Amino acid sequence: MLDPELLERTTARSAELDELGERLAKQLAEVRAERDEPAVAEKVLERMSEQLAGERASYTSETAMRTCCQPRPDP
């Protein structure tokens, strides 16, 4: 037969470890969420940079077409 004191200590330790496991799982989820934030921000920044580059290229192209292809007034 098991010693009642030993059984009680084992049960208490098991409960402590379960609680610790729950806290660590929560902490890990928080760390993963925080780690994902910069990756999301980086993707947004990349998209915005690409969009801005496209707009600049379009503006430059339109400006060049207007400058080069407009008839010059007679002097």
C-alpha atoms as a PDB file:
ATOM      1  CA  MET A   1       0.000   0.000   0.000  1.00  0.00           C
ATOM      2  CA  LEU A   2       1.192   3.494  -0.830  1.00  0.00           C
ATOM      3  CA  ASP A   3       2.190   5.897   1.872  1.00  0.00           C
ATOM      4  CA  PRO A   4      -0.623   8.495   2.142  1.00  0.00           C
ATOM      5  CA  GLU A   5       1.882  11.336   2.669  1.00  0.00           C
ATOM      6  CA  LEU A   6       3.846  10.336  -0.427  1.00  0.00           C
ATOM      7  CA  LEU A   7       0.643  10.085  -2.461  1.00  0.00           C
ATOM      8  CA  GLU A   8      -0.432  13.553  -1.260  1.00  0.00           C
ATOM      9  CA  ARG A   9       2.944  15.067  -2.128  1.00  0.00           C
ATOM     10  CA  THR A  10       2.914  13.430  -5.555  1.00  0.00           C
ATOM     11  CA  THR A  11      -0.602  14.701  -6.250  1.00  0.00           C
ATOM     12  CA  ALA A  12       0.313  18.221  -5.111  1.00  0.00           C
ATOM     13  CA  ARG A  13       3.427  18.254  -7.286  1.00  0.00           C
ATOM     14  CA  SER A  14       1.429  17.012 -10.264  1.00  0.00           C
ATOM     15  CA  ALA A  15      -1.064  19.866  -9.761  1.00  0.00           C
ATOM     16  CA  GLU A  16       1.823  22.380  -9.539  1.00  0.00           C
ATOM     17  CA  LEU A  17       3.280  21.066 -12.780  1.00  0.00           C
ATOM     18  CA  ASP A  18      -0.115  21.218 -14.507  1.00  0.00           C
ATOM     19  CA  GLU A  19      -0.477  24.854 -13.426  1.00  0.00           C
ATOM     20  CA  LEU A  20       3.058  25.641 -14.581  1.00  0.00           C
ATOM     21  CA  GLY A  21       2.356  23.981 -17.923  1.00  0.00           C
ATOM     22  CA  GLU A  22      -0.756  26.117 -18.396  1.00  0.00           C
ATOM     23  CA  ARG A  23       1.144  29.319 -17.551  1.00  0.00           C
ATOM     24  CA  LEU A  24       3.976  28.411 -19.912  1.00  0.00           C
ATOM     25  CA  ALA A  25       1.550  27.573 -22.728  1.00  0.00           C
ATOM     26  CA  LYS A  26      -0.115  30.976 -22.270  1.00  0.00           C
ATOM     27  CA  GLN A  27       3.273  32.696 -22.203  1.00  0.00           C
ATOM     28  CA  LEU A  28       4.358  30.856 -25.349  1.00  0.00           C
ATOM     29  CA  ALA A  29       1.188  31.923 -27.159  1.00  0.00           C
ATOM     30  CA  GLU A  30       1.859  35.546 -26.168  1.00  0.00           C
ATOM     31  CA  VAL A  31       5.469  35.340 -27.372  1.00  0.00           C
ATOM     32  CA  ARG A  32       4.414  33.843 -30.708  1.00  0.00           C
ATOM     33  CA  ALA A  33       1.777  36.536 -31.207  1.00  0.00           C
ATOM     34  CA  GLU A  34       4.293  39.261 -30.400  1.00  0.00           C
ATOM     35  CA  ARG A  35       6.859  37.688 -32.704  1.00  0.00           C
ATOM     36  CA  ASP A  36       4.334  37.667 -35.560  1.00  0.00           C
ATOM     37  CA  GLU A  37       3.623  41.410 -35.230  1.00  0.00           C
ATOM     38  CA  PRO A  38       6.895  42.576 -36.852  1.00  0.00           C
ATOM     39  CA  ALA A  39       6.436  40.095 -39.708  1.00  0.00           C
ATOM     40  CA  VAL A  40       2.969  41.482 -40.434  1.00  0.00           C
ATOM     41  CA  ALA A  41       4.254  45.059 -40.240  1.00  0.00           C
ATOM     42  CA  GLU A  42       7.100  44.173 -42.604  1.00  0.00           C
ATOM     43  CA  LYS A  43       4.669  42.733 -45.170  1.00  0.00           C
ATOM     44  CA  VAL A  44       2.519  45.870 -45.002  1.00  0.00           C
ATOM     45  CA  LEU A  45       5.593  48.057 -45.439  1.00  0.00           C
ATOM     46  CA  GLU A  46       6.727  46.000 -48.444  1.00  0.00           C
ATOM     47  CA  ARG A  47       3.295  46.320 -50.097  1.00  0.00           C
ATOM     48  CA  MET A  48       3.187  50.053 -49.473  1.00  0.00           C
ATOM     49  CA  SER A  49       6.722  50.465 -50.858  1.00  0.00           C
ATOM     50  CA  GLU A  50       5.832  48.491 -53.983  1.00  0.00           C
ATOM     51  CA  GLN A  51       2.669  50.531 -54.463  1.00  0.00           C
ATOM     52  CA  LEU A  52       4.563  53.793 -54.026  1.00  0.00           C
ATOM     53  CA  ALA A  53       7.266  52.663 -56.463  1.00  0.00           C
ATOM     54  CA  GLY A  54       4.576  51.806 -59.008  1.00  0.00           C
ATOM     55  CA  GLU A  55       2.902  55.171 -58.564  1.00  0.00           C
ATOM     56  CA  ARG A  56       6.234  56.962 -58.946  1.00  0.00           C
ATOM     57  CA  ALA A  57       7.057  55.018 -62.102  1.00  0.00           C
ATOM     58  CA  SER A  58       3.630  55.778 -63.532  1.00  0.00           C
ATOM     59  CA  TYR A  59       3.940  59.473 -62.695  1.00  0.00           C
ATOM     60  CA  THR A  60       7.451  59.643 -64.180  1.00  0.00           C
ATOM     61  CA  SER A  61       6.276  57.898 -67.345  1.00  0.00           C
ATOM     62  CA  GLU A  62       3.258  60.195 -67.719  1.00  0.00           C
ATOM     63  CA  THR A  63       5.392  63.289 -67.134  1.00  0.00           C
ATOM     64  CA  ALA A  64       7.953  62.144 -69.694  1.00  0.00           C
ATOM     65  CA  MET A  65       5.220  61.497 -72.260  1.00  0.00           C
ATOM     66  CA  ARG A  66       3.702  64.941 -71.737  1.00  0.00           C
ATOM     67  CA  THR A  67       7.084  66.663 -71.948  1.00  0.00           C
ATOM     68  CA  CYS A  68       8.355  64.787 -74.967  1.00  0.00           C
ATOM     69  CA  CYS A  69       5.223  64.536 -77.059  1.00  0.00           C
ATOM     70  CA  GLN A  70       3.586  67.942 -76.723  1.00  0.00           C
ATOM     71  CA  PRO A  71       3.780  70.208 -79.759  1.00  0.00           C
ATOM     72  CA  ARG A  72       6.008  73.192 -79.275  1.00  0.00           C
ATOM     73  CA  PRO A  73       4.504  76.614 -79.852  1.00  0.00           C
ATOM     74  CA  ASP A  74       5.748  78.523 -82.896  1.00  0.00           C
ATOM     75  CA  PRO A  75       8.100  81.387 -81.987  1.00  0.00           C
END
